[in-house]
Amino acid sequence: MKEISGRLIASGQKIAIAASRFNSFLVEQLVKGAVDAFTRMGGKESDLVTVRVPGAYELPIVAAKLARSGKFDAVVCLGAVVQGSTSHASLINETTARAFSQISTETLVPVIDGVVSAENLEQAVERCGTKQGNKGFSAMQAAIETAGVVAQI
């Protein structure tokens, strides 16, 4: 039986990072984590392109444009949505997650959801590079591995 699996080797891959400016003090840590993962896995920083958007809600349209461009092996979407006193955060998280999945299946380019969803600021900080790791780093790992699998199929 033949098995196809990805490897954490970024050499030769071109990946786009779509990053939200909202909650930039959190998102910048995610971007740093993503870049760190890419270079640690053998990628060259010159093979990364970062695109900034106002907020997480704007990530899907940019992710779609990047995925359809034919220039990238994967797109990593980074943002931070912290729950407030209304259900707005939940709406953003559900909408963006669904859109990323749809874009991936339509374009056959991995679009990775690296948007931190947190109930409070402390949880968000933990997921952006402290106790819970860095979601930007793990999102980039997922992009590298999935792009490798897609290339083999």
Foldseek 3Di string as FASTA:
>chain_A
DDDFWFDLALDPFAEEEEEACVVVVLQVLLVVLLLVSNVVNPHDPVSYHYHYDHALLPVLVVLLCVLQPPSGLAYEYEHEQEDDPDCVSVVSVVVSVVSQVVSCVVSVRRYFYLYHYYPHPVSSNCQSDHVVHHSSNVSNSVNRTSSRRSVVD
